[in-house]
């Protein structure tokens, strides 16, 4: 069942906003992205309006056609925090959380020099993540 925009979680709304900002900041529109993905403009419009549920694969595919790796988009959406905020990340969930894998450690420290040539114009600043209410 498709999620209507009013029922979207704040995180999904935020990710769509970040993707929208990146698309516009690079000078593209939904039709450009839809064409690169082999999708219809209507599909993209429904996706970004919340009528189609945003899936992880959508984020991966959109990121890559824009010339980004998915982790770079996630980094734009959720810049690294200094301290873990969730009890699970702090190891307070009753069971100890496993340590990060080598791949996760490499991903967490992705090479910012790769993204340096892709800075968005100030007019297309990526919105900040929604804070606690």
C-alpha atoms as a PDB file:
ATOM      1  CA  UNK A   1       0.000   0.000   0.000  1.00  0.00           C
ATOM      2  CA  UNK A   2       1.417   3.381  -0.992  1.00  0.00           C
ATOM      3  CA  UNK A   3       2.133   5.839   1.774  1.00  0.00           C
ATOM      4  CA  UNK A   4       0.389   9.192   1.395  1.00  0.00           C
ATOM      5  CA  UNK A   5       2.567  12.220   2.072  1.00  0.00           C
ATOM      6  CA  UNK A   6       0.725  13.015   5.307  1.00  0.00           C
ATOM      7  CA  UNK A   7       1.577   9.527   6.620  1.00  0.00           C
ATOM      8  CA  UNK A   8       5.276   9.656   5.707  1.00  0.00           C
ATOM      9  CA  UNK A   9       7.724   9.518   8.552  1.00  0.00           C
ATOM     10  CA  UNK A  10       9.833  12.650   9.163  1.00  0.00           C
ATOM     11  CA  UNK A  11      12.904  10.689   8.030  1.00  0.00           C
ATOM     12  CA  UNK A  12      11.356   9.824   4.657  1.00  0.00           C
ATOM     13  CA  UNK A  13      10.200  13.420   4.171  1.00  0.00           C
ATOM     14  CA  UNK A  14      13.719  14.578   5.015  1.00  0.00           C
ATOM     15  CA  UNK A  15      15.390  12.131   2.599  1.00  0.00           C
ATOM     16  CA  UNK A  16      13.045  13.185  -0.203  1.00  0.00           C
ATOM     17  CA  UNK A  17      13.853  16.806   0.566  1.00  0.00           C
ATOM     18  CA  UNK A  18      17.587  16.095   0.406  1.00  0.00           C
ATOM     19  CA  UNK A  19      17.232  14.217  -2.892  1.00  0.00           C
ATOM     20  CA  UNK A  20      15.085  17.047  -4.268  1.00  0.00           C
ATOM     21  CA  UNK A  21      17.718  19.607  -3.237  1.00  0.00           C
ATOM     22  CA  UNK A  22      20.556  17.618  -4.806  1.00  0.00           C
ATOM     23  CA  UNK A  23      18.602  17.149  -8.042  1.00  0.00           C
ATOM     24  CA  UNK A  24      17.841  20.867  -8.287  1.00  0.00           C
ATOM     25  CA  UNK A  25      21.315  21.889  -7.117  1.00  0.00           C
ATOM     26  CA  UNK A  26      22.871  19.931  -9.961  1.00  0.00           C
ATOM     27  CA  UNK A  27      20.527  21.629 -12.437  1.00  0.00           C
ATOM     28  CA  UNK A  28      18.367  18.561 -13.083  1.00  0.00           C
ATOM     29  CA  UNK A  29      14.626  18.034 -12.779  1.00  0.00           C
ATOM     30  CA  UNK A  30      12.529  14.924 -12.120  1.00  0.00           C
ATOM     31  CA  UNK A  31      12.159  14.259 -15.842  1.00  0.00           C
ATOM     32  CA  UNK A  32      15.954  14.182 -16.301  1.00  0.00           C
ATOM     33  CA  UNK A  33      16.324  11.689 -13.448  1.00  0.00           C
ATOM     34  CA  UNK A  34      13.344   9.629 -14.631  1.00  0.00           C
ATOM     35  CA  UNK A  35      14.842   9.393 -18.128  1.00  0.00           C
ATOM     36  CA  UNK A  36      18.206   8.233 -16.758  1.00  0.00           C
ATOM     37  CA  UNK A  37      16.446   5.607 -14.625  1.00  0.00           C
ATOM     38  CA  UNK A  38      14.116   4.487 -17.416  1.00  0.00           C
ATOM     39  CA  UNK A  39      11.054   5.558 -15.415  1.00  0.00           C
ATOM     40  CA  UNK A  40       8.156   7.834 -16.253  1.00  0.00           C
ATOM     41  CA  UNK A  41       7.985  11.415 -15.088  1.00  0.00           C
ATOM     42  CA  UNK A  42       4.680  10.522 -13.406  1.00  0.00           C
ATOM     43  CA  UNK A  43       6.381   7.795 -11.373  1.00  0.00           C
ATOM     44  CA  UNK A  44       9.000  10.256 -10.127  1.00  0.00           C
ATOM     45  CA  UNK A  45       6.318  12.794  -9.308  1.00  0.00           C
ATOM     46  CA  UNK A  46       4.345  10.208  -7.308  1.00  0.00           C
ATOM     47  CA  UNK A  47       7.536   9.047  -5.566  1.00  0.00           C
ATOM     48  CA  UNK A  48       8.481  12.561  -4.469  1.00  0.00           C
ATOM     49  CA  UNK A  49       4.918  13.411  -3.421  1.00  0.00           C
ATOM     50  CA  UNK A  50       4.747  10.340  -1.188  1.00  0.00           C
ATOM     51  CA  UNK A  51       2.146   8.433  -3.202  1.00  0.00           C
ATOM     52  CA  UNK A  52       4.745   5.730  -3.870  1.00  0.00           C
ATOM     53  CA  UNK A  53       6.727   4.441  -0.900  1.00  0.00           C
ATOM     54  CA  UNK A  54      10.382   5.506  -0.941  1.00  0.00           C
ATOM     55  CA  UNK A  55      12.561   2.401  -0.824  1.00  0.00           C
ATOM     56  CA  UNK A  56      16.250   2.035  -0.193  1.00  0.00           C
ATOM     57  CA  UNK A  57      16.755   0.942  -3.799  1.00  0.00           C
ATOM     58  CA  UNK A  58      15.216   4.236  -4.984  1.00  0.00           C
ATOM     59  CA  UNK A  59      17.829   6.152  -2.970  1.00  0.00           C
ATOM     60  CA  UNK A  60      20.633   3.979  -4.378  1.00  0.00           C
ATOM     61  CA  UNK A  61      19.465   4.350  -7.978  1.00  0.00           C
ATOM     62  CA  UNK A  62      18.794   8.096  -7.790  1.00  0.00           C
ATOM     63  CA  UNK A  63      22.132   8.694  -6.056  1.00  0.00           C
ATOM     64  CA  UNK A  64      24.075   6.856  -8.714  1.00  0.00           C
ATOM     65  CA  UNK A  65      22.420   8.541 -11.716  1.00  0.00           C
ATOM     66  CA  UNK A  66      23.281  11.870 -10.087  1.00  0.00           C
ATOM     67  CA  UNK A  67      26.933  10.803  -9.816  1.00  0.00           C
ATOM     68  CA  UNK A  68      26.922  10.184  -6.065  1.00  0.00           C
ATOM     69  CA  UNK A  69      27.434   7.066  -4.024  1.00  0.00           C
ATOM     70  CA  UNK A  70      24.475   6.319  -1.729  1.00  0.00           C
ATOM     71  CA  UNK A  71      26.581   6.876   1.402  1.00  0.00           C
ATOM     72  CA  UNK A  72      27.339  10.403   0.191  1.00  0.00           C
ATOM     73  CA  UNK A  73      23.608  11.165  -0.012  1.00  0.00           C
ATOM     74  CA  UNK A  74      23.080   9.702   3.457  1.00  0.00           C
ATOM     75  CA  UNK A  75      25.963  11.813   4.719  1.00  0.00           C
ATOM     76  CA  UNK A  76      24.303  14.933   3.294  1.00  0.00           C
ATOM     77  CA  UNK A  77      21.042  13.927   4.959  1.00  0.00           C
ATOM     78  CA  UNK A  78      22.579  12.944   8.282  1.00  0.00           C
ATOM     79  CA  UNK A  79      25.997  14.485   8.880  1.00  0.00           C
ATOM     80  CA  UNK A  80      28.125  12.500  11.283  1.00  0.00           C
ATOM     81  CA  UNK A  81      27.409  13.185  14.939  1.00  0.00           C
ATOM     82  CA  UNK A  82      30.168  13.360  17.519  1.00  0.00           C
ATOM     83  CA  UNK A  83      28.487  11.035  20.003  1.00  0.00           C
ATOM     84  CA  UNK A  84      26.093   8.135  19.377  1.00  0.00           C
ATOM     85  CA  UNK A  85      22.575   9.201  20.366  1.00  0.00           C
ATOM     86  CA  UNK A  86      20.603   5.960  20.344  1.00  0.00           C
ATOM     87  CA  UNK A  87      20.829   3.530  23.251  1.00  0.00           C
ATOM     88  CA  UNK A  88      21.722   0.725  20.817  1.00  0.00           C
ATOM     89  CA  UNK A  89      24.671   2.694  19.396  1.00  0.00           C
ATOM     90  CA  UNK A  90      25.817   3.459  22.930  1.00  0.00           C
ATOM     91  CA  UNK A  91      25.683  -0.247  23.828  1.00  0.00           C
ATOM     92  CA  UNK A  92      22.857   0.243  26.338  1.00  0.00           C
ATOM     93  CA  UNK A  93      20.353  -2.113  24.731  1.00  0.00           C
ATOM     94  CA  UNK A  94      20.960  -5.006  27.123  1.00  0.00           C
ATOM     95  CA  UNK A  95      23.019  -6.893  24.555  1.00  0.00           C
ATOM     96  CA  UNK A  96      26.263  -5.447  23.362  1.00  0.00           C
ATOM     97  CA  UNK A  97      26.189  -4.220  19.803  1.00  0.00           C
ATOM     98  CA  UNK A  98      28.786  -5.727  17.484  1.00  0.00           C
ATOM     99  CA  UNK A  99      31.651  -3.473  16.499  1.00  0.00           C
ATOM    100  CA  UNK A 100      31.708  -1.959  13.030  1.00  0.00           C
ATOM    101  CA  UNK A 101      33.019  -4.077  10.213  1.00  0.00           C
ATOM    102  CA  UNK A 102      35.989  -2.941   8.148  1.00  0.00           C
ATOM    103  CA  UNK A 103      33.615  -1.952   5.328  1.00  0.00           C
ATOM    104  CA  UNK A 104      31.521   0.119   7.740  1.00  0.00           C
ATOM    105  CA  UNK A 105      34.632   1.866   9.067  1.00  0.00           C
ATOM    106  CA  UNK A 106      35.729   2.700   5.507  1.00  0.00           C
ATOM    107  CA  UNK A 107      32.228   3.939   4.625  1.00  0.00           C
ATOM    108  CA  UNK A 108      32.047   6.119   7.720  1.00  0.00           C
ATOM    109  CA  UNK A 109      35.244   7.864   6.654  1.00  0.00           C
ATOM    110  CA  UNK A 110      34.390   8.176   2.939  1.00  0.00           C
ATOM    111  CA  UNK A 111      36.847  10.224   0.975  1.00  0.00           C
ATOM    112  CA  UNK A 112      35.488  13.769   1.055  1.00  0.00           C
ATOM    113  CA  UNK A 113      37.866  14.751  -1.738  1.00  0.00           C
ATOM    114  CA  UNK A 114      35.675  12.742  -4.129  1.00  0.00           C
ATOM    115  CA  UNK A 115      32.710  14.975  -3.300  1.00  0.00           C
ATOM    116  CA  UNK A 116      34.734  18.196  -3.251  1.00  0.00           C
ATOM    117  CA  UNK A 117      34.265  18.775  -6.964  1.00  0.00           C
ATOM    118  CA  UNK A 118      30.502  18.425  -6.580  1.00  0.00           C
ATOM    119  CA  UNK A 119      29.735  21.136  -4.091  1.00  0.00           C
ATOM    120  CA  UNK A 120      26.176  22.370  -4.358  1.00  0.00           C
ATOM    121  CA  UNK A 121      25.581  26.059  -4.918  1.00  0.00           C
ATOM    122  CA  UNK A 122      24.569  27.947  -1.774  1.00  0.00           C
ATOM    123  CA  UNK A 123      21.123  28.530  -3.275  1.00  0.00           C
ATOM    124  CA  UNK A 124      20.580  24.761  -3.232  1.00  0.00           C
ATOM    125  CA  UNK A 125      21.605  24.113   0.348  1.00  0.00           C
ATOM    126  CA  UNK A 126      20.496  20.754   1.677  1.00  0.00           C
ATOM    127  CA  UNK A 127      17.957  21.079   4.498  1.00  0.00           C
ATOM    128  CA  UNK A 128      18.995  19.972   7.956  1.00  0.00           C
ATOM    129  CA  UNK A 129      17.638  16.778   9.421  1.00  0.00           C
ATOM    130  CA  UNK A 130      14.470  17.091  11.503  1.00  0.00           C
ATOM    131  CA  UNK A 131      15.274  17.437  15.169  1.00  0.00           C
ATOM    132  CA  UNK A 132      13.376  15.944  18.089  1.00  0.00           C
ATOM    133  CA  UNK A 133       9.969  17.502  18.653  1.00  0.00           C
END
